[in-house]
Amino acid sequence: MENIPLLAKRGDLRVRLQRMRRQLLFFEGKYAMVSQAFYDKYRQGEMGFSEEFGVWAEIFAEYLFWKRVRS
């Protein structure tokens, strides 16, 4: 537990996860694809590259990380 940043320890993790979830919902609505399906295709190189896809992938990867930390 000592390697987890203070942000997670102070209870702000819930707020951070909510913010990331709202961002993910924006992308999911815009591209009509759930984040997990997008991320799988992105990692396999099937989505091509755009800056926006990079941002989406980064947010989703961070979201998955913090969800695991929280569990």
PDB file of N, CA and C in Angstrom:
ATOM      1  N   MET A   1       0.817  -1.190   0.000  1.00  0.00           N
ATOM      2  CA  MET A   1       0.000   0.000   0.000  1.00  0.00           C
ATOM      3  C   MET A   1       0.864   1.257   0.000  1.00  0.00           C
ATOM      4  N   GLU A   2       2.108   1.156   0.413  1.00  0.00           N
ATOM      5  CA  GLU A   2       2.928   2.352   0.522  1.00  0.00           C
ATOM      6  C   GLU A   2       3.337   2.940  -0.831  1.00  0.00           C
ATOM      7  N   ASN A   3       3.246   2.174  -1.922  1.00  0.00           N
ATOM      8  CA  ASN A   3       3.588   2.689  -3.250  1.00  0.00           C
ATOM      9  C   ASN A   3       2.429   3.411  -3.917  1.00  0.00           C
ATOM     10  N   ILE A   4       1.260   3.388  -3.344  1.00  0.00           N
ATOM     11  CA  ILE A   4       0.102   4.051  -3.919  1.00  0.00           C
ATOM     12  C   ILE A   4       0.194   5.540  -3.610  1.00  0.00           C
ATOM     13  N   PRO A   5       0.067   6.388  -4.647  1.00  0.00           N
ATOM     14  CA  PRO A   5       0.153   7.831  -4.409  1.00  0.00           C
ATOM     15  C   PRO A   5      -0.856   8.303  -3.367  1.00  0.00           C
ATOM     16  N   LEU A   6      -0.540   9.417  -2.729  1.00  0.00           N
ATOM     17  CA  LEU A   6      -1.409   9.963  -1.691  1.00  0.00           C
ATOM     18  C   LEU A   6      -2.817  10.240  -2.202  1.00  0.00           C
ATOM     19  N   LEU A   7      -2.948  10.542  -3.484  1.00  0.00           N
ATOM     20  CA  LEU A   7      -4.265  10.803  -4.049  1.00  0.00           C
ATOM     21  C   LEU A   7      -5.210   9.649  -3.752  1.00  0.00           C
ATOM     22  N   ALA A   8      -4.731   8.426  -3.930  1.00  0.00           N
ATOM     23  CA  ALA A   8      -5.572   7.257  -3.692  1.00  0.00           C
ATOM     24  C   ALA A   8      -5.842   7.067  -2.200  1.00  0.00           C
ATOM     25  N   LYS A   9      -4.907   7.426  -1.372  1.00  0.00           N
ATOM     26  CA  LYS A   9      -5.057   7.227   0.065  1.00  0.00           C
ATOM     27  C   LYS A   9      -6.038   8.218   0.689  1.00  0.00           C
ATOM     28  N   ARG A  10      -6.180   9.389   0.102  1.00  0.00           N
ATOM     29  CA  ARG A  10      -7.018  10.424   0.686  1.00  0.00           C
ATOM     30  C   ARG A  10      -8.494  10.278   0.341  1.00  0.00           C
ATOM     31  N   GLY A  11      -8.867   9.275  -0.408  1.00  0.00           N
ATOM     32  CA  GLY A  11     -10.265   9.113  -0.757  1.00  0.00           C
ATOM     33  C   GLY A  11     -10.645   9.839  -2.032  1.00  0.00           C
ATOM     34  N   ASP A  12      -9.685  10.509  -2.668  1.00  0.00           N
ATOM     35  CA  ASP A  12      -9.968  11.195  -3.923  1.00  0.00           C
ATOM     36  C   ASP A  12     -10.039  10.221  -5.091  1.00  0.00           C
ATOM     37  N   LEU A  13      -9.705   8.979  -4.840  1.00  0.00           N
ATOM     38  CA  LEU A  13      -9.721   7.975  -5.900  1.00  0.00           C
ATOM     39  C   LEU A  13     -11.117   7.829  -6.495  1.00  0.00           C
ATOM     40  N   ARG A  14     -12.118   7.879  -5.648  1.00  0.00           N
ATOM     41  CA  ARG A  14     -13.496   7.757  -6.132  1.00  0.00           C
ATOM     42  C   ARG A  14     -13.814   8.893  -7.110  1.00  0.00           C
ATOM     43  N   VAL A  15     -13.405  10.091  -6.773  1.00  0.00           N
ATOM     44  CA  VAL A  15     -13.641  11.256  -7.627  1.00  0.00           C
ATOM     45  C   VAL A  15     -12.864  11.119  -8.931  1.00  0.00           C
ATOM     46  N   ARG A  16     -11.624  10.678  -8.827  1.00  0.00           N
ATOM     47  CA  ARG A  16     -10.784  10.492 -10.016  1.00  0.00           C
ATOM     48  C   ARG A  16     -11.405   9.456 -10.953  1.00  0.00           C
ATOM     49  N   LEU A  17     -11.878   8.340 -10.398  1.00  0.00           N
ATOM     50  CA  LEU A  17     -12.514   7.311 -11.219  1.00  0.00           C
ATOM     51  C   LEU A  17     -13.783   7.833 -11.882  1.00  0.00           C
ATOM     52  N   GLN A  18     -14.561   8.622 -11.173  1.00  0.00           N
ATOM     53  CA  GLN A  18     -15.780   9.199 -11.756  1.00  0.00           C
ATOM     54  C   GLN A  18     -15.439  10.124 -12.921  1.00  0.00           C
ATOM     55  N   ARG A  19     -14.410  10.938 -12.753  1.00  0.00           N
ATOM     56  CA  ARG A  19     -13.994  11.857 -13.813  1.00  0.00           C
ATOM     57  C   ARG A  19     -13.535  11.079 -15.048  1.00  0.00           C
ATOM     58  N   MET A  20     -12.730  10.045 -14.828  1.00  0.00           N
ATOM     59  CA  MET A  20     -12.261   9.246 -15.955  1.00  0.00           C
ATOM     60  C   MET A  20     -13.427   8.534 -16.632  1.00  0.00           C
ATOM     61  N   ARG A  21     -14.389   8.048 -15.838  1.00  0.00           N
ATOM     62  CA  ARG A  21     -15.543   7.359 -16.416  1.00  0.00           C
ATOM     63  C   ARG A  21     -16.346   8.309 -17.309  1.00  0.00           C
ATOM     64  N   ARG A  22     -16.510   9.560 -16.888  1.00  0.00           N
ATOM     65  CA  ARG A  22     -17.209  10.551 -17.724  1.00  0.00           C
ATOM     66  C   ARG A  22     -16.456  10.784 -19.035  1.00  0.00           C
ATOM     67  N   GLN A  23     -15.130  10.844 -18.954  1.00  0.00           N
ATOM     68  CA  GLN A  23     -14.329  11.025 -20.166  1.00  0.00           C
ATOM     69  C   GLN A  23     -14.480   9.824 -21.095  1.00  0.00           C
ATOM     70  N   LEU A  24     -14.474   8.623 -20.512  1.00  0.00           N
ATOM     71  CA  LEU A  24     -14.630   7.416 -21.317  1.00  0.00           C
ATOM     72  C   LEU A  24     -16.005   7.373 -21.976  1.00  0.00           C
ATOM     73  N   LEU A  25     -17.028   7.775 -21.246  1.00  0.00           N
ATOM     74  CA  LEU A  25     -18.377   7.792 -21.815  1.00  0.00           C
ATOM     75  C   LEU A  25     -18.476   8.766 -22.991  1.00  0.00           C
ATOM     76  N   PHE A  26     -17.753   9.867 -22.916  1.00  0.00           N
ATOM     77  CA  PHE A  26     -17.714  10.805 -24.038  1.00  0.00           C
ATOM     78  C   PHE A  26     -17.189  10.113 -25.292  1.00  0.00           C
ATOM     79  N   PHE A  27     -16.036   9.448 -25.173  1.00  0.00           N
ATOM     80  CA  PHE A  27     -15.440   8.759 -26.326  1.00  0.00           C
ATOM     81  C   PHE A  27     -16.337   7.618 -26.811  1.00  0.00           C
ATOM     82  N   GLU A  28     -16.900   6.875 -25.883  1.00  0.00           N
ATOM     83  CA  GLU A  28     -17.769   5.761 -26.259  1.00  0.00           C
ATOM     84  C   GLU A  28     -18.969   6.258 -27.061  1.00  0.00           C
ATOM     85  N   GLY A  29     -19.541   7.376 -26.658  1.00  0.00           N
ATOM     86  CA  GLY A  29     -20.659   7.946 -27.390  1.00  0.00           C
ATOM     87  C   GLY A  29     -20.238   8.468 -28.761  1.00  0.00           C
ATOM     88  N   LYS A  30     -19.110   9.121 -28.798  1.00  0.00           N
ATOM     89  CA  LYS A  30     -18.620   9.707 -30.047  1.00  0.00           C
ATOM     90  C   LYS A  30     -18.300   8.646 -31.088  1.00  0.00           C
ATOM     91  N   TYR A  31     -17.730   7.526 -30.659  1.00  0.00           N
ATOM     92  CA  TYR A  31     -17.294   6.492 -31.593  1.00  0.00           C
ATOM     93  C   TYR A  31     -18.173   5.239 -31.565  1.00  0.00           C
ATOM     94  N   ALA A  32     -19.246   5.280 -30.795  1.00  0.00           N
ATOM     95  CA  ALA A  32     -20.199   4.158 -30.714  1.00  0.00           C
ATOM     96  C   ALA A  32     -19.484   2.828 -30.459  1.00  0.00           C
ATOM     97  N   MET A  33     -18.607   2.845 -29.452  1.00  0.00           N
ATOM     98  CA  MET A  33     -17.834   1.650 -29.113  1.00  0.00           C
ATOM     99  C   MET A  33     -17.485   1.712 -27.632  1.00  0.00           C
ATOM    100  N   VAL A  34     -17.643   0.608 -26.933  1.00  0.00           N
ATOM    101  CA  VAL A  34     -17.251   0.591 -25.526  1.00  0.00           C
ATOM    102  C   VAL A  34     -15.730   0.654 -25.426  1.00  0.00           C
ATOM    103  N   SER A  35     -15.248   1.194 -24.336  1.00  0.00           N
ATOM    104  CA  SER A  35     -13.814   1.425 -24.174  1.00  0.00           C
ATOM    105  C   SER A  35     -12.991   0.141 -24.228  1.00  0.00           C
ATOM    106  N   GLN A  36     -13.491  -0.940 -23.654  1.00  0.00           N
ATOM    107  CA  GLN A  36     -12.718  -2.191 -23.673  1.00  0.00           C
ATOM    108  C   GLN A  36     -12.524  -2.686 -25.100  1.00  0.00           C
ATOM    109  N   ALA A  37     -13.579  -2.643 -25.923  1.00  0.00           N
ATOM    110  CA  ALA A  37     -13.467  -3.073 -27.324  1.00  0.00           C
ATOM    111  C   ALA A  37     -12.501  -2.157 -28.081  1.00  0.00           C
ATOM    112  N   PHE A  38     -12.624  -0.854 -27.852  1.00  0.00           N
ATOM    113  CA  PHE A  38     -11.696   0.088 -28.474  1.00  0.00           C
ATOM    114  C   PHE A  38     -10.259  -0.227 -28.081  1.00  0.00           C
ATOM    115  N   TYR A  39     -10.031  -0.395 -26.793  1.00  0.00           N
ATOM    116  CA  TYR A  39      -8.677  -0.598 -26.282  1.00  0.00           C
ATOM    117  C   TYR A  39      -8.054  -1.875 -26.855  1.00  0.00           C
ATOM    118  N   ASP A  40      -8.850  -2.926 -26.924  1.00  0.00           N
ATOM    119  CA  ASP A  40      -8.347  -4.172 -27.510  1.00  0.00           C
ATOM    120  C   ASP A  40      -7.935  -3.958 -28.969  1.00  0.00           C
ATOM    121  N   LYS A  41      -8.780  -3.286 -29.735  1.00  0.00           N
ATOM    122  CA  LYS A  41      -8.466  -3.020 -31.151  1.00  0.00           C
ATOM    123  C   LYS A  41      -7.284  -2.060 -31.283  1.00  0.00           C
ATOM    124  N   TYR A  42      -7.237  -1.058 -30.420  1.00  0.00           N
ATOM    125  CA  TYR A  42      -6.149  -0.088 -30.452  1.00  0.00           C
ATOM    126  C   TYR A  42      -4.805  -0.776 -30.191  1.00  0.00           C
ATOM    127  N   ARG A  43      -4.771  -1.626 -29.207  1.00  0.00           N
ATOM    128  CA  ARG A  43      -3.523  -2.322 -28.851  1.00  0.00           C
ATOM    129  C   ARG A  43      -3.087  -3.301 -29.936  1.00  0.00           C
ATOM    130  N   GLN A  44      -4.051  -3.791 -30.726  1.00  0.00           N
ATOM    131  CA  GLN A  44      -3.721  -4.702 -31.832  1.00  0.00           C
ATOM    132  C   GLN A  44      -3.414  -3.935 -33.119  1.00  0.00           C
ATOM    133  N   GLY A  45      -3.467  -2.621 -33.067  1.00  0.00           N
ATOM    134  CA  GLY A  45      -3.149  -1.800 -34.225  1.00  0.00           C
ATOM    135  C   GLY A  45      -4.278  -1.680 -35.230  1.00  0.00           C
ATOM    136  N   GLU A  46      -5.486  -2.041 -34.829  1.00  0.00           N
ATOM    137  CA  GLU A  46      -6.623  -2.042 -35.749  1.00  0.00           C
ATOM    138  C   GLU A  46      -7.345  -0.700 -35.825  1.00  0.00           C
ATOM    139  N   MET A  47      -6.975   0.259 -34.986  1.00  0.00           N
ATOM    140  CA  MET A  47      -7.685   1.536 -34.953  1.00  0.00           C
ATOM    141  C   MET A  47      -6.932   2.647 -35.686  1.00  0.00           C
ATOM    142  N   GLY A  48      -5.749   2.341 -36.154  1.00  0.00           N
ATOM    143  CA  GLY A  48      -4.951   3.404 -36.733  1.00  0.00           C
ATOM    144  C   GLY A  48      -4.453   4.303 -35.613  1.00  0.00           C
ATOM    145  N   PHE A  49      -3.925   5.461 -35.996  1.00  0.00           N
ATOM    146  CA  PHE A  49      -3.446   6.355 -34.957  1.00  0.00           C
ATOM    147  C   PHE A  49      -4.047   7.739 -35.136  1.00  0.00           C
ATOM    148  N   SER A  50      -4.499   8.259 -34.054  1.00  0.00           N
ATOM    149  CA  SER A  50      -4.879   9.667 -33.981  1.00  0.00           C
ATOM    150  C   SER A  50      -4.559  10.110 -32.557  1.00  0.00           C
ATOM    151  N   GLU A  51      -4.361  11.378 -32.385  1.00  0.00           N
ATOM    152  CA  GLU A  51      -4.059  11.887 -31.046  1.00  0.00           C
ATOM    153  C   GLU A  51      -5.208  11.576 -30.088  1.00  0.00           C
ATOM    154  N   GLU A  52      -6.438  11.695 -30.596  1.00  0.00           N
ATOM    155  CA  GLU A  52      -7.601  11.437 -29.755  1.00  0.00           C
ATOM    156  C   GLU A  52      -7.654   9.976 -29.312  1.00  0.00           C
ATOM    157  N   PHE A  53      -7.307   9.058 -30.198  1.00  0.00           N
ATOM    158  CA  PHE A  53      -7.276   7.642 -29.811  1.00  0.00           C
ATOM    159  C   PHE A  53      -6.205   7.401 -28.754  1.00  0.00           C
ATOM    160  N   GLY A  54      -5.077   8.083 -28.880  1.00  0.00           N
ATOM    161  CA  GLY A  54      -4.027   7.958 -27.877  1.00  0.00           C
ATOM    162  C   GLY A  54      -4.493   8.428 -26.503  1.00  0.00           C
ATOM    163  N   VAL A  55      -5.229   9.527 -26.492  1.00  0.00           N
ATOM    164  CA  VAL A  55      -5.769  10.053 -25.234  1.00  0.00           C
ATOM    165  C   VAL A  55      -6.768   9.066 -24.646  1.00  0.00           C
ATOM    166  N   TRP A  56      -7.670   8.560 -25.481  1.00  0.00           N
ATOM    167  CA  TRP A  56      -8.676   7.598 -25.030  1.00  0.00           C
ATOM    168  C   TRP A  56      -7.998   6.361 -24.433  1.00  0.00           C
ATOM    169  N   ALA A  57      -7.011   5.824 -25.143  1.00  0.00           N
ATOM    170  CA  ALA A  57      -6.302   4.633 -24.665  1.00  0.00           C
ATOM    171  C   ALA A  57      -5.604   4.910 -23.332  1.00  0.00           C
ATOM    172  N   GLU A  58      -5.003   6.075 -23.220  1.00  0.00           N
ATOM    173  CA  GLU A  58      -4.306   6.424 -21.983  1.00  0.00           C
ATOM    174  C   GLU A  58      -5.281   6.541 -20.803  1.00  0.00           C
ATOM    175  N   ILE A  59      -6.407   7.189 -21.039  1.00  0.00           N
ATOM    176  CA  ILE A  59      -7.406   7.324 -19.974  1.00  0.00           C
ATOM    177  C   ILE A  59      -7.928   5.959 -19.562  1.00  0.00           C
ATOM    178  N   PHE A  60      -8.196   5.096 -20.539  1.00  0.00           N
ATOM    179  CA  PHE A  60      -8.735   3.781 -20.217  1.00  0.00           C
ATOM    180  C   PHE A  60      -7.711   2.936 -19.459  1.00  0.00           C
ATOM    181  N   ALA A  61      -6.452   2.978 -19.872  1.00  0.00           N
ATOM    182  CA  ALA A  61      -5.409   2.227 -19.173  1.00  0.00           C
ATOM    183  C   ALA A  61      -5.279   2.706 -17.724  1.00  0.00           C
ATOM    184  N   GLU A  62      -5.336   4.013 -17.530  1.00  0.00           N
ATOM    185  CA  GLU A  62      -5.259   4.556 -16.173  1.00  0.00           C
ATOM    186  C   GLU A  62      -6.494   4.150 -15.359  1.00  0.00           C
ATOM    187  N   TYR A  63      -7.645   4.187 -15.996  1.00  0.00           N
ATOM    188  CA  TYR A  63      -8.892   3.788 -15.340  1.00  0.00           C
ATOM    189  C   TYR A  63      -8.800   2.331 -14.865  1.00  0.00           C
ATOM    190  N   LEU A  64      -8.310   1.455 -15.735  1.00  0.00           N
ATOM    191  CA  LEU A  64      -8.162   0.045 -15.352  1.00  0.00           C
ATOM    192  C   LEU A  64      -7.193  -0.110 -14.189  1.00  0.00           C
ATOM    193  N   PHE A  65      -6.084   0.635 -14.225  1.00  0.00           N
ATOM    194  CA  PHE A  65      -5.107   0.573 -13.141  1.00  0.00           C
ATOM    195  C   PHE A  65      -5.742   0.945 -11.799  1.00  0.00           C
ATOM    196  N   TRP A  66      -6.420   2.091 -11.774  1.00  0.00           N
ATOM    197  CA  TRP A  66      -6.994   2.561 -10.511  1.00  0.00           C
ATOM    198  C   TRP A  66      -8.136   1.684 -10.042  1.00  0.00           C
ATOM    199  N   LYS A  67      -8.856   1.081 -10.964  1.00  0.00           N
ATOM    200  CA  LYS A  67      -9.918   0.147 -10.573  1.00  0.00           C
ATOM    201  C   LYS A  67      -9.302  -1.063  -9.861  1.00  0.00           C
ATOM    202  N   ARG A  68      -8.153  -1.540 -10.370  1.00  0.00           N
ATOM    203  CA  ARG A  68      -7.474  -2.672  -9.724  1.00  0.00           C
ATOM    204  C   ARG A  68      -6.946  -2.274  -8.351  1.00  0.00           C
ATOM    205  N   VAL A  69      -6.388  -1.089  -8.245  1.00  0.00           N
ATOM    206  CA  VAL A  69      -5.859  -0.618  -6.957  1.00  0.00           C
ATOM    207  C   VAL A  69      -6.979  -0.536  -5.946  1.00  0.00           C
ATOM    208  N   ARG A  70      -8.127  -0.063  -6.378  1.00  0.00           N
ATOM    209  CA  ARG A  70      -9.265   0.122  -5.488  1.00  0.00           C
ATOM    210  C   ARG A  70      -9.835  -1.212  -4.990  1.00  0.00           C
ATOM    211  N   SER A  71      -9.735  -2.244  -5.822  1.00  0.00           N
ATOM    212  CA  SER A  71     -10.320  -3.552  -5.459  1.00  0.00           C
ATOM    213  C   SER A  71      -9.582  -4.231  -4.329  1.00  0.00           C
TER     214      SER A  71
END
